[in-house]
Amino acid sequence: MSKDHIKIGQFGEQKAVEMLKGKGYRILKRNERNKYGEIDIIAMDGKVMVFVEVRTKTGTDFGSPEESINYRKKKRLIRNAKGYVKYNGVKNQYRIDAVCIVLDENMEILRIRHYKNITLF
């Protein structure tokens, strides 16, 4: 991964955290790794634990951030969340959300969208 991709990803995650906090979410962890991969953000929405996948892209010439969350990616996200819940003995309800961000070439946000419970569609 290039440094630009990492920088864009970190920028997107920070903007996602700010958005979620603005909606009243409590951020527990960022970039949590387990044997199944990485969870970008773990937060609480009231009593529900939320695993958040952040997708940030500059422009949509090569598809939208939403399009990059395909069936395989959703399966990986579900496996990550289940692994975290089991390993950490989480008793709360949980769900998987996505925050999709499109930036322009100057790192200005063109669009930011929060999708709840992405494993349902």
C-alpha atoms as a PDB file:
ATOM      1  CA  MET A   1       0.000   0.000   0.000  1.00  0.00           C
ATOM      2  CA  SER A   2       1.379   3.413  -0.896  1.00  0.00           C
ATOM      3  CA  LYS A   3       1.889   6.167   1.637  1.00  0.00           C
ATOM      4  CA  ASP A   4      -0.875   8.166  -0.078  1.00  0.00           C
ATOM      5  CA  HIS A   5      -3.340   5.307   0.393  1.00  0.00           C
ATOM      6  CA  ILE A   6      -2.411   5.008   4.066  1.00  0.00           C
ATOM      7  CA  LYS A   7      -2.727   8.786   4.533  1.00  0.00           C
ATOM      8  CA  ILE A   8      -6.115   8.820   2.804  1.00  0.00           C
ATOM      9  CA  GLY A   9      -7.284   5.870   4.918  1.00  0.00           C
ATOM     10  CA  GLN A  10      -6.184   7.476   8.179  1.00  0.00           C
ATOM     11  CA  PHE A  11      -7.810  10.771   7.188  1.00  0.00           C
ATOM     12  CA  GLY A  12     -11.057   8.958   6.353  1.00  0.00           C
ATOM     13  CA  GLU A  13     -11.029   7.052   9.646  1.00  0.00           C
ATOM     14  CA  GLN A  14     -10.552  10.295  11.592  1.00  0.00           C
ATOM     15  CA  LYS A  15     -13.483  11.917   9.747  1.00  0.00           C
ATOM     16  CA  ALA A  16     -15.599   8.807  10.406  1.00  0.00           C
ATOM     17  CA  VAL A  17     -14.749   8.980  14.135  1.00  0.00           C
ATOM     18  CA  GLU A  18     -15.739  12.662  14.218  1.00  0.00           C
ATOM     19  CA  MET A  19     -19.032  11.898  12.449  1.00  0.00           C
ATOM     20  CA  LEU A  20     -19.867   8.989  14.755  1.00  0.00           C
ATOM     21  CA  LYS A  21     -19.050  11.016  17.883  1.00  0.00           C
ATOM     22  CA  GLY A  22     -21.329  13.743  16.526  1.00  0.00           C
ATOM     23  CA  LYS A  23     -24.118  11.147  16.383  1.00  0.00           C
ATOM     24  CA  GLY A  24     -23.507  10.206  20.028  1.00  0.00           C
ATOM     25  CA  TYR A  25     -21.434   7.070  19.468  1.00  0.00           C
ATOM     26  CA  ARG A  26     -18.733   6.249  22.015  1.00  0.00           C
ATOM     27  CA  ILE A  27     -15.507   5.168  20.328  1.00  0.00           C
ATOM     28  CA  LEU A  28     -13.893   2.175  22.074  1.00  0.00           C
ATOM     29  CA  LYS A  29     -11.041   1.184  19.756  1.00  0.00           C
ATOM     30  CA  ARG A  30      -9.508   1.927  16.388  1.00  0.00           C
ATOM     31  CA  ASN A  31      -7.586  -0.414  14.093  1.00  0.00           C
ATOM     32  CA  GLU A  32      -8.231  -3.498  16.209  1.00  0.00           C
ATOM     33  CA  ARG A  33      -6.426  -6.534  14.801  1.00  0.00           C
ATOM     34  CA  ASN A  34      -7.363 -10.154  15.282  1.00  0.00           C
ATOM     35  CA  LYS A  35      -6.469 -13.342  13.416  1.00  0.00           C
ATOM     36  CA  TYR A  36      -9.199 -12.603  10.857  1.00  0.00           C
ATOM     37  CA  GLY A  37      -8.012  -9.107   9.951  1.00  0.00           C
ATOM     38  CA  GLU A  38      -8.531  -5.550  11.107  1.00  0.00           C
ATOM     39  CA  ILE A  39     -11.594  -3.732  12.406  1.00  0.00           C
ATOM     40  CA  ASP A  40     -11.347  -0.017  11.624  1.00  0.00           C
ATOM     41  CA  ILE A  41     -13.516   1.311  14.460  1.00  0.00           C
ATOM     42  CA  ILE A  42     -15.297  -0.333  17.393  1.00  0.00           C
ATOM     43  CA  ALA A  43     -17.913   1.898  18.986  1.00  0.00           C
ATOM     44  CA  MET A  44     -21.017   1.825  21.150  1.00  0.00           C
ATOM     45  CA  ASP A  45     -24.357   3.109  19.864  1.00  0.00           C
ATOM     46  CA  GLY A  46     -26.254   3.097  23.124  1.00  0.00           C
ATOM     47  CA  LYS A  47     -26.011  -0.526  24.289  1.00  0.00           C
ATOM     48  CA  VAL A  48     -25.186  -1.912  20.831  1.00  0.00           C
ATOM     49  CA  MET A  49     -21.570  -2.592  19.919  1.00  0.00           C
ATOM     50  CA  VAL A  50     -20.825  -1.397  16.394  1.00  0.00           C
ATOM     51  CA  PHE A  51     -17.994  -2.602  14.181  1.00  0.00           C
ATOM     52  CA  VAL A  52     -17.381   0.086  11.564  1.00  0.00           C
ATOM     53  CA  GLU A  53     -15.693  -0.440   8.216  1.00  0.00           C
ATOM     54  CA  VAL A  54     -14.402   2.833   6.758  1.00  0.00           C
ATOM     55  CA  ARG A  55     -13.947   3.105   3.002  1.00  0.00           C
ATOM     56  CA  THR A  56     -12.336   6.285   1.676  1.00  0.00           C
ATOM     57  CA  LYS A  57     -11.670   7.027  -1.980  1.00  0.00           C
ATOM     58  CA  THR A  58     -10.493  10.018  -3.955  1.00  0.00           C
ATOM     59  CA  GLY A  59     -13.056  10.393  -6.703  1.00  0.00           C
ATOM     60  CA  THR A  60     -15.256   7.648  -8.092  1.00  0.00           C
ATOM     61  CA  ASP A  61     -13.498   6.989 -11.415  1.00  0.00           C
ATOM     62  CA  PHE A  62     -12.734   3.445 -10.267  1.00  0.00           C
ATOM     63  CA  GLY A  63     -16.021   2.854  -8.455  1.00  0.00           C
ATOM     64  CA  SER A  64     -17.579   4.174  -5.279  1.00  0.00           C
ATOM     65  CA  PRO A  65     -16.453   3.238  -1.764  1.00  0.00           C
ATOM     66  CA  GLU A  66     -19.760   1.404  -1.372  1.00  0.00           C
ATOM     67  CA  GLU A  67     -18.979  -0.811  -4.363  1.00  0.00           C
ATOM     68  CA  SER A  68     -15.749  -1.946  -2.704  1.00  0.00           C
ATOM     69  CA  ILE A  69     -17.737  -3.647   0.077  1.00  0.00           C
ATOM     70  CA  ASN A  70     -18.540  -6.799  -1.840  1.00  0.00           C
ATOM     71  CA  TYR A  71     -19.769 -10.196  -0.668  1.00  0.00           C
ATOM     72  CA  ARG A  72     -16.250 -11.414   0.246  1.00  0.00           C
ATOM     73  CA  LYS A  73     -15.516  -8.239   2.193  1.00  0.00           C
ATOM     74  CA  LYS A  74     -18.804  -8.569   4.115  1.00  0.00           C
ATOM     75  CA  LYS A  75     -17.984 -12.192   4.994  1.00  0.00           C
ATOM     76  CA  ARG A  76     -14.576 -11.089   6.304  1.00  0.00           C
ATOM     77  CA  LEU A  77     -16.184  -8.285   8.343  1.00  0.00           C
ATOM     78  CA  ILE A  78     -18.675 -10.723   9.873  1.00  0.00           C
ATOM     79  CA  ARG A  79     -15.883 -13.175  10.737  1.00  0.00           C
ATOM     80  CA  ASN A  80     -13.840 -10.349  12.318  1.00  0.00           C
ATOM     81  CA  ALA A  81     -16.793  -9.170  14.411  1.00  0.00           C
ATOM     82  CA  LYS A  82     -17.726 -12.691  15.549  1.00  0.00           C
ATOM     83  CA  GLY A  83     -14.114 -13.399  16.450  1.00  0.00           C
ATOM     84  CA  TYR A  84     -13.857 -10.198  18.485  1.00  0.00           C
ATOM     85  CA  VAL A  85     -17.149 -10.872  20.291  1.00  0.00           C
ATOM     86  CA  LYS A  86     -16.164 -14.448  21.137  1.00  0.00           C
ATOM     87  CA  TYR A  87     -12.576 -13.697  22.155  1.00  0.00           C
ATOM     88  CA  ASN A  88     -13.562 -10.712  24.327  1.00  0.00           C
ATOM     89  CA  GLY A  89     -16.685 -12.278  25.845  1.00  0.00           C
ATOM     90  CA  VAL A  90     -18.936  -9.488  24.560  1.00  0.00           C
ATOM     91  CA  LYS A  91     -22.532  -9.945  25.705  1.00  0.00           C
ATOM     92  CA  ASN A  92     -23.976  -6.880  23.948  1.00  0.00           C
ATOM     93  CA  GLN A  93     -25.922  -6.980  20.730  1.00  0.00           C
ATOM     94  CA  TYR A  94     -23.712  -5.964  17.848  1.00  0.00           C
ATOM     95  CA  ARG A  95     -23.909  -4.909  14.222  1.00  0.00           C
ATOM     96  CA  ILE A  96     -21.614  -3.950  11.374  1.00  0.00           C
ATOM     97  CA  ASP A  97     -21.806  -0.471   9.870  1.00  0.00           C
ATOM     98  CA  ALA A  98     -19.875   1.262   7.105  1.00  0.00           C
ATOM     99  CA  VAL A  99     -18.825   4.859   6.651  1.00  0.00           C
ATOM    100  CA  CYS A 100     -18.115   5.644   3.004  1.00  0.00           C
ATOM    101  CA  ILE A 101     -16.233   8.808   2.106  1.00  0.00           C
ATOM    102  CA  VAL A 102     -15.388  10.373  -1.245  1.00  0.00           C
ATOM    103  CA  LEU A 103     -12.655  13.022  -1.320  1.00  0.00           C
ATOM    104  CA  ASP A 104     -11.538  15.406  -4.024  1.00  0.00           C
ATOM    105  CA  GLU A 105      -7.890  15.748  -5.040  1.00  0.00           C
ATOM    106  CA  ASN A 106      -7.355  18.343  -2.252  1.00  0.00           C
ATOM    107  CA  MET A 107      -8.579  15.938   0.480  1.00  0.00           C
ATOM    108  CA  GLU A 108     -11.844  17.857   0.818  1.00  0.00           C
ATOM    109  CA  ILE A 109     -14.884  15.720   1.584  1.00  0.00           C
ATOM    110  CA  LEU A 110     -17.282  15.531  -1.347  1.00  0.00           C
ATOM    111  CA  ARG A 111     -19.532  12.967   0.326  1.00  0.00           C
ATOM    112  CA  ILE A 112     -19.688  11.069   3.591  1.00  0.00           C
ATOM    113  CA  ARG A 113     -22.380   8.467   4.289  1.00  0.00           C
ATOM    114  CA  HIS A 114     -23.051   6.208   7.253  1.00  0.00           C
ATOM    115  CA  TYR A 115     -24.747   2.884   6.540  1.00  0.00           C
ATOM    116  CA  LYS A 116     -26.103   0.881   9.458  1.00  0.00           C
ATOM    117  CA  ASN A 117     -26.199  -2.905   9.525  1.00  0.00           C
ATOM    118  CA  ILE A 118     -24.556  -3.466   6.138  1.00  0.00           C
ATOM    119  CA  THR A 119     -24.732  -7.240   6.438  1.00  0.00           C
ATOM    120  CA  LEU A 120     -28.476  -7.040   5.774  1.00  0.00           C
ATOM    121  CA  PHE A 121     -27.992  -5.917   2.157  1.00  0.00           C
END
